Amino acid sequence: MNIVGITACTVGIAHTYMAREKLMEAGKRLGIEVQLEAQGSAGIEFPLTEEEIKAADLVLFCVDIGVTGKERFKGKPIVEVPTKLGIKSPENLLTKIREKWEAH
């Protein structure tokens, strides 16, 4: 499974990057490819490429605020959750996403 997405929190500092890091680490442990763009106080970091988006099975918005560039993901299945889920239980979140994806 290949997931791309965006992390963003209200302040744009800690939770944005913590969620990104924890989800990408959990993806590695679970054998799920996870590429996440951070939209924080410094702007957009680790921007997703058109190729990464095209290759993705699903888009994950782990956000607490509105984000820019959502139109890039048109036509892709989208899951949106708060950053605290990505921080506190990233493996559980990714496992549930994979189970629903495989059942579909």
Foldseek 3Di string as FASTA:
>chain_A
DEEEEEFAEPQFPDLQVLLQVLLCVLCVVVVYHYQYWYQGPVGIDSDDDLVSLVPGQEYEYQYDDDDPDPVSNPPHHYDYHHSVCSNVPNNVVVVVVVVVVVVD
